[in-house]
Amino acid sequence: MAHDSALQTFIVESRELLQAMEACLLGIEHEEDQTESISAIFRAAHTIKGSAGLFTLNDIVAFTHVLESVLDKVREGSLAIDADMVALLLACGDHIAGFID
């Protein structure tokens, strides 16, 4: 029973993190300093990945690991946040939501 409760908590928290990630992405192109939003997006993906690992949800772990790699490149400045990147990252969030559903 404790496992089911923990899994439900993971689902609720992951959905909240995905909503926060989406909110950051929808406003990020208009920000002068995107650092905080980029970090928040990365933390959301990282937290979902780590929590998914606790439940051996390997598809979520593998997908978000790749997403983290892309976000690392954004954080280091080798990839820019533009409209195409925002669209891609929003689609990634939708894909993760599909896993969670």
Protein backbone atom coordinates (compact mmCIF):
# COMPACT_ATOMS: atom_id res chain seq x y z
CA MET A 1 0.00 0.00 0.00
CA ALA A 2 2.84 2.43 0.78
CA HIS A 3 4.24 1.90 -2.73
CA ASP A 4 0.89 2.85 -4.30
CA SER A 5 0.70 5.98 -2.17
CA ALA A 6 4.25 6.98 -3.07
CA LEU A 7 3.54 6.36 -6.76
CA GLN A 8 0.46 8.58 -6.58
CA THR A 9 2.57 11.29 -4.95
CA PHE A 10 5.10 10.95 -7.80
CA ILE A 11 2.31 11.35 -10.37
CA VAL A 12 0.86 14.44 -8.70
CA GLU A 13 4.26 16.07 -8.19
CA SER A 14 5.40 15.26 -11.72
CA ARG A 15 2.29 16.88 -13.17
CA GLU A 16 2.96 19.98 -11.06
CA LEU A 17 6.58 20.08 -12.21
CA LEU A 18 5.49 19.74 -15.84
CA GLN A 19 3.04 22.62 -15.39
CA ALA A 20 5.80 24.76 -13.91
CA MET A 21 8.13 23.77 -16.75
CA GLU A 22 5.49 24.75 -19.30
CA ALA A 23 4.90 28.11 -17.60
CA CYS A 24 8.63 28.86 -17.71
CA LEU A 25 8.85 27.86 -21.36
CA LEU A 26 5.89 29.99 -22.39
CA GLY A 27 7.51 33.14 -21.02
CA ILE A 28 11.20 32.46 -21.50
CA GLU A 29 11.64 34.08 -24.92
CA HIS A 30 10.62 37.45 -23.47
CA GLU A 31 13.05 37.33 -20.54
CA GLU A 32 16.24 39.35 -20.65
CA ASP A 33 17.96 36.94 -18.27
CA GLN A 34 16.78 33.40 -18.87
CA THR A 35 19.08 31.81 -16.31
CA GLU A 36 16.48 31.29 -13.59
CA SER A 37 13.89 29.83 -15.95
CA ILE A 38 16.42 27.53 -17.60
CA SER A 39 17.48 26.29 -14.17
CA ALA A 40 13.85 25.74 -13.14
CA ILE A 41 13.18 23.75 -16.32
CA PHE A 42 16.29 21.65 -15.74
CA ARG A 43 15.35 21.02 -12.08
CA ALA A 44 11.86 19.90 -13.10
CA ALA A 45 13.25 17.37 -15.58
CA HIS A 46 15.94 16.25 -13.13
CA THR A 47 13.45 15.75 -10.30
CA ILE A 48 11.06 13.79 -12.49
CA LYS A 49 13.93 11.60 -13.72
CA GLY A 50 15.21 10.90 -10.23
CA SER A 51 11.78 10.14 -8.84
CA ALA A 52 10.92 7.92 -11.82
CA GLY A 53 14.10 5.98 -11.12
CA LEU A 54 12.85 5.15 -7.64
CA PHE A 55 9.92 3.34 -9.24
CA THR A 56 12.03 1.81 -12.04
CA LEU A 57 10.05 3.74 -14.64
CA ASN A 58 12.91 3.30 -17.06
CA ASP A 59 11.26 4.88 -20.11
CA ILE A 60 10.76 8.13 -18.19
CA VAL A 61 14.32 7.97 -16.84
CA ALA A 62 15.83 7.40 -20.29
CA PHE A 63 13.81 10.12 -21.97
CA THR A 64 14.39 12.75 -19.30
CA HIS A 65 18.10 11.90 -19.26
CA VAL A 66 18.29 12.97 -22.91
CA LEU A 67 16.23 16.06 -22.10
CA GLU A 68 18.67 16.92 -19.30
CA SER A 69 21.56 16.64 -21.76
CA VAL A 70 19.88 19.15 -24.07
CA LEU A 71 19.14 21.46 -21.15
CA ASP A 72 22.78 21.22 -20.03
CA LYS A 73 23.79 22.53 -23.46
CA VAL A 74 21.30 25.37 -23.06
CA ARG A 75 22.69 26.19 -19.61
CA GLU A 76 26.26 26.26 -20.91
CA GLY A 77 25.26 28.46 -23.85
CA SER A 78 25.99 26.06 -26.71
CA LEU A 79 22.27 25.84 -27.54
CA ALA A 80 20.00 28.88 -27.60
CA ILE A 81 16.42 29.18 -26.46
CA ASP A 82 14.46 30.26 -29.51
CA ALA A 83 10.94 29.51 -30.73
CA ASP A 84 11.98 26.14 -32.16
CA MET A 85 13.68 25.11 -28.92
CA VAL A 86 10.66 26.20 -26.88
CA ALA A 87 8.39 24.13 -29.15
CA LEU A 88 10.68 21.13 -28.81
CA LEU A 89 10.86 21.42 -25.02
CA LEU A 90 7.08 21.83 -24.76
CA ALA A 91 6.69 18.67 -26.84
CA CYS A 92 9.12 16.90 -24.51
CA GLY A 93 6.98 17.94 -21.55
CA ASP A 94 3.91 16.57 -23.31
CA HIS A 95 5.74 13.32 -23.98
CA ILE A 96 6.70 12.96 -20.32
CA ALA A 97 3.09 13.72 -19.36
CA GLY A 98 2.03 10.88 -21.64
CA PHE A 99 4.38 8.52 -19.82
CA ILE A 100 2.99 9.64 -16.49
CA ASP A 101 -0.62 9.23 -17.62
